[in-house]
Amino acid sequence: EVLANPAIRKVGVGLKADAVKLQHDWGCTMHNLVELADVAEKTRHPDIGKSLRSITSCVLGLAITKSKYVTMSDWASERLNLKQSVYAALDAWVASEALGDLEKLLRDSQALSNAAPNAPSDPPSQRPLDDAGKRPLGG
């Protein structure tokens, strides 16, 4: 019910491939997919990549690690084990948090460009690095 419900956004990276597999394997159609990599790309920030790890690191400042043991485990099992459940929950949580931050960044960027369309602005690639060696997302 959740995956097919168009009122519930499904957020992640590589969701189209997941949707095709779910449709093929289980006859489940997913609606209201939000591809996080596409949203990140719209920010035009040079440090944001297309992987969930890169987006999470740049946007949330969190380093996530994914065990190959869990990644390559049996996800077709009727019941997920604890490590798989934590892995899936972490993916869902960081994707949702990152989407909120990316959407805010896009809104703020749009508001700035509407308020001062002729104001000079440093391109993101020319902004100074912060203490962690990252370029600030906004401003």
C-alpha atoms as a PDB file:
ATOM      1  CA  GLU A   1       0.000   0.000   0.000  1.00  0.00           C
ATOM      2  CA  VAL A   2       2.797   2.454   0.826  1.00  0.00           C
ATOM      3  CA  LEU A   3       4.728   1.967  -2.406  1.00  0.00           C
ATOM      4  CA  ALA A   4       1.657   2.336  -4.601  1.00  0.00           C
ATOM      5  CA  ASN A   5       0.207   5.290  -2.676  1.00  0.00           C
ATOM      6  CA  PRO A   6       0.730   8.488  -4.705  1.00  0.00           C
ATOM      7  CA  ALA A   7       0.229  10.613  -1.575  1.00  0.00           C
ATOM      8  CA  ILE A   8       3.454   9.233  -0.054  1.00  0.00           C
ATOM      9  CA  ARG A   9       6.749  10.364  -1.553  1.00  0.00           C
ATOM     10  CA  LYS A  10       9.377   7.694  -2.016  1.00  0.00           C
ATOM     11  CA  VAL A  11      12.830   9.302  -1.851  1.00  0.00           C
ATOM     12  CA  GLY A  12      16.153   7.748  -2.757  1.00  0.00           C
ATOM     13  CA  VAL A  13      18.854   7.203  -5.316  1.00  0.00           C
ATOM     14  CA  GLY A  14      18.271   4.750  -8.154  1.00  0.00           C
ATOM     15  CA  LEU A  15      14.549   4.440  -7.491  1.00  0.00           C
ATOM     16  CA  LYS A  16      13.617   3.908 -11.135  1.00  0.00           C
ATOM     17  CA  ALA A  17      15.613   0.666 -11.250  1.00  0.00           C
ATOM     18  CA  ASP A  18      14.073  -0.402  -7.927  1.00  0.00           C
ATOM     19  CA  ALA A  19      10.588   0.353  -9.270  1.00  0.00           C
ATOM     20  CA  VAL A  20      11.191  -1.730 -12.399  1.00  0.00           C
ATOM     21  CA  LYS A  21      12.438  -4.659 -10.313  1.00  0.00           C
ATOM     22  CA  LEU A  22       9.510  -4.448  -7.890  1.00  0.00           C
ATOM     23  CA  GLN A  23       7.070  -4.321 -10.799  1.00  0.00           C
ATOM     24  CA  HIS A  24       8.728  -7.276 -12.512  1.00  0.00           C
ATOM     25  CA  ASP A  25       9.217  -9.455  -9.424  1.00  0.00           C
ATOM     26  CA  TRP A  26       6.144  -8.612  -7.359  1.00  0.00           C
ATOM     27  CA  GLY A  27       3.696  -6.782  -9.634  1.00  0.00           C
ATOM     28  CA  CYS A  28       3.992  -3.740  -7.372  1.00  0.00           C
ATOM     29  CA  THR A  29       3.774  -0.319  -9.013  1.00  0.00           C
ATOM     30  CA  MET A  30       5.501   2.551  -7.231  1.00  0.00           C
ATOM     31  CA  HIS A  31       4.131   6.083  -7.457  1.00  0.00           C
ATOM     32  CA  ASN A  32       5.485   9.519  -6.489  1.00  0.00           C
ATOM     33  CA  LEU A  33       9.188   8.717  -6.783  1.00  0.00           C
ATOM     34  CA  VAL A  34      11.681  11.475  -5.961  1.00  0.00           C
ATOM     35  CA  GLU A  35      15.124  10.795  -7.420  1.00  0.00           C
ATOM     36  CA  LEU A  36      17.475  12.463  -4.960  1.00  0.00           C
ATOM     37  CA  ALA A  37      20.342  12.643  -7.477  1.00  0.00           C
ATOM     38  CA  ASP A  38      18.137  14.713  -9.816  1.00  0.00           C
ATOM     39  CA  VAL A  39      17.230  17.129  -7.025  1.00  0.00           C
ATOM     40  CA  ALA A  40      20.894  17.416  -6.001  1.00  0.00           C
ATOM     41  CA  GLU A  41      21.869  18.142  -9.598  1.00  0.00           C
ATOM     42  CA  LYS A  42      19.425  21.056  -9.736  1.00  0.00           C
ATOM     43  CA  THR A  43      21.392  22.811  -6.980  1.00  0.00           C
ATOM     44  CA  ARG A  44      24.357  23.065  -9.375  1.00  0.00           C
ATOM     45  CA  HIS A  45      26.677  22.690  -6.393  1.00  0.00           C
ATOM     46  CA  PRO A  46      30.007  21.283  -7.630  1.00  0.00           C
ATOM     47  CA  ASP A  47      30.659  19.133  -4.552  1.00  0.00           C
ATOM     48  CA  ILE A  48      27.377  17.206  -4.570  1.00  0.00           C
ATOM     49  CA  GLY A  49      27.665  13.925  -6.409  1.00  0.00           C
ATOM     50  CA  LYS A  50      24.941  11.536  -7.495  1.00  0.00           C
ATOM     51  CA  SER A  51      25.377   8.793  -4.914  1.00  0.00           C
ATOM     52  CA  LEU A  52      23.525   8.743  -1.615  1.00  0.00           C
ATOM     53  CA  ARG A  53      26.884   8.669   0.167  1.00  0.00           C
ATOM     54  CA  SER A  54      28.072  11.823  -1.631  1.00  0.00           C
ATOM     55  CA  ILE A  55      24.783  13.671  -1.182  1.00  0.00           C
ATOM     56  CA  THR A  56      24.624  12.737   2.503  1.00  0.00           C
ATOM     57  CA  SER A  57      28.201  13.818   3.099  1.00  0.00           C
ATOM     58  CA  CYS A  58      27.857  17.152   1.321  1.00  0.00           C
ATOM     59  CA  VAL A  59      24.352  18.125   2.399  1.00  0.00           C
ATOM     60  CA  LEU A  60      24.064  16.633   5.880  1.00  0.00           C
ATOM     61  CA  GLY A  61      27.737  16.436   6.805  1.00  0.00           C
ATOM     62  CA  LEU A  62      27.340  12.752   7.668  1.00  0.00           C
ATOM     63  CA  ALA A  63      29.586   9.928   6.546  1.00  0.00           C
ATOM     64  CA  ILE A  64      27.603   6.771   5.904  1.00  0.00           C
ATOM     65  CA  THR A  65      29.250   3.431   5.323  1.00  0.00           C
ATOM     66  CA  LYS A  66      27.591   0.457   3.718  1.00  0.00           C
ATOM     67  CA  SER A  67      28.823  -3.014   4.493  1.00  0.00           C
ATOM     68  CA  LYS A  68      29.263  -5.199   1.399  1.00  0.00           C
ATOM     69  CA  TYR A  69      28.061  -8.090   3.543  1.00  0.00           C
ATOM     70  CA  VAL A  70      24.685  -6.390   4.042  1.00  0.00           C
ATOM     71  CA  THR A  71      24.526  -4.869   0.553  1.00  0.00           C
ATOM     72  CA  MET A  72      25.046  -8.272  -1.065  1.00  0.00           C
ATOM     73  CA  SER A  73      22.873 -10.236   1.375  1.00  0.00           C
ATOM     74  CA  ASP A  74      19.560 -11.912   0.506  1.00  0.00           C
ATOM     75  CA  TRP A  75      17.067  -9.058   0.154  1.00  0.00           C
ATOM     76  CA  ALA A  76      14.479 -11.397  -1.403  1.00  0.00           C
ATOM     77  CA  SER A  77      13.991 -13.145   1.922  1.00  0.00           C
ATOM     78  CA  GLU A  78      10.470 -12.850   3.304  1.00  0.00           C
ATOM     79  CA  ARG A  79      11.845 -11.275   6.484  1.00  0.00           C
ATOM     80  CA  LEU A  80      14.840  -8.934   6.669  1.00  0.00           C
ATOM     81  CA  ASN A  81      17.446  -9.511   9.340  1.00  0.00           C
ATOM     82  CA  LEU A  82      18.358  -6.760  11.816  1.00  0.00           C
ATOM     83  CA  LYS A  83      21.353  -5.486   9.802  1.00  0.00           C
ATOM     84  CA  GLN A  84      19.237  -5.249   6.639  1.00  0.00           C
ATOM     85  CA  SER A  85      16.492  -3.424   8.528  1.00  0.00           C
ATOM     86  CA  VAL A  86      18.967  -0.900   9.935  1.00  0.00           C
ATOM     87  CA  TYR A  87      20.550  -0.460   6.490  1.00  0.00           C
ATOM     88  CA  ALA A  88      17.151   0.193   4.868  1.00  0.00           C
ATOM     89  CA  ALA A  89      16.036   2.529   7.647  1.00  0.00           C
ATOM     90  CA  LEU A  90      19.292   4.510   7.444  1.00  0.00           C
ATOM     91  CA  ASP A  91      18.926   4.866   3.665  1.00  0.00           C
ATOM     92  CA  ALA A  92      15.350   6.073   4.031  1.00  0.00           C
ATOM     93  CA  TRP A  93      16.177   8.492   6.844  1.00  0.00           C
ATOM     94  CA  VAL A  94      19.215  10.138   5.231  1.00  0.00           C
ATOM     95  CA  ALA A  95      17.426  10.396   1.883  1.00  0.00           C
ATOM     96  CA  SER A  96      14.456  12.131   3.506  1.00  0.00           C
ATOM     97  CA  GLU A  97      16.670  14.496   5.515  1.00  0.00           C
ATOM     98  CA  ALA A  98      18.826  15.319   2.496  1.00  0.00           C
ATOM     99  CA  LEU A  99      15.745  15.996   0.368  1.00  0.00           C
ATOM    100  CA  GLY A 100      14.471  18.511   2.919  1.00  0.00           C
ATOM    101  CA  ASP A 101      17.804  20.326   2.956  1.00  0.00           C
ATOM    102  CA  LEU A 102      18.122  20.262  -0.840  1.00  0.00           C
ATOM    103  CA  GLU A 103      14.601  21.612  -1.306  1.00  0.00           C
ATOM    104  CA  LYS A 104      15.339  24.420   1.168  1.00  0.00           C
ATOM    105  CA  LEU A 105      18.556  25.197  -0.685  1.00  0.00           C
ATOM    106  CA  LEU A 106      16.678  25.349  -3.992  1.00  0.00           C
ATOM    107  CA  ARG A 107      13.944  27.589  -2.491  1.00  0.00           C
ATOM    108  CA  ASP A 108      16.541  29.931  -0.966  1.00  0.00           C
ATOM    109  CA  SER A 109      18.465  30.049  -4.223  1.00  0.00           C
ATOM    110  CA  GLN A 110      15.274  30.827  -6.146  1.00  0.00           C
ATOM    111  CA  ALA A 111      14.317  33.542  -3.659  1.00  0.00           C
ATOM    112  CA  LEU A 112      17.756  35.128  -3.992  1.00  0.00           C
ATOM    113  CA  SER A 113      17.640  35.120  -7.764  1.00  0.00           C
ATOM    114  CA  ASN A 114      14.116  36.595  -7.751  1.00  0.00           C
ATOM    115  CA  ALA A 115      15.037  39.293  -5.224  1.00  0.00           C
ATOM    116  CA  ALA A 116      18.208  40.471  -6.940  1.00  0.00           C
ATOM    117  CA  PRO A 117      18.413  39.185 -10.509  1.00  0.00           C
ATOM    118  CA  ASN A 118      21.344  41.476 -11.379  1.00  0.00           C
ATOM    119  CA  ALA A 119      23.315  41.097  -8.138  1.00  0.00           C
ATOM    120  CA  PRO A 120      26.785  39.600  -8.598  1.00  0.00           C
ATOM    121  CA  SER A 121      27.305  36.239  -6.967  1.00  0.00           C
ATOM    122  CA  ASP A 122      30.336  34.022  -6.686  1.00  0.00           C
ATOM    123  CA  PRO A 123      29.786  30.751  -8.538  1.00  0.00           C
ATOM    124  CA  PRO A 124      29.799  27.826  -6.076  1.00  0.00           C
ATOM    125  CA  SER A 125      33.171  26.643  -7.408  1.00  0.00           C
ATOM    126  CA  GLN A 126      34.762  29.979  -6.417  1.00  0.00           C
ATOM    127  CA  ARG A 127      33.403  30.113  -2.863  1.00  0.00           C
ATOM    128  CA  PRO A 128      36.020  29.616  -0.140  1.00  0.00           C
ATOM    129  CA  LEU A 129      36.274  26.240   1.564  1.00  0.00           C
ATOM    130  CA  ASP A 130      35.061  25.882   5.142  1.00  0.00           C
ATOM    131  CA  ASP A 131      37.086  24.303   7.981  1.00  0.00           C
ATOM    132  CA  ALA A 132      36.149  20.800   6.803  1.00  0.00           C
ATOM    133  CA  GLY A 133      37.403  21.522   3.272  1.00  0.00           C
ATOM    134  CA  LYS A 134      33.888  21.740   1.817  1.00  0.00           C
ATOM    135  CA  ARG A 135      32.312  24.562  -0.098  1.00  0.00           C
ATOM    136  CA  PRO A 136      29.235  26.055   1.640  1.00  0.00           C
ATOM    137  CA  LEU A 137      26.000  25.116  -0.104  1.00  0.00           C
ATOM    138  CA  GLY A 138      24.211  28.442   0.196  1.00  0.00           C
ATOM    139  CA  GLY A 139      25.082  32.106  -0.119  1.00  0.00           C
END
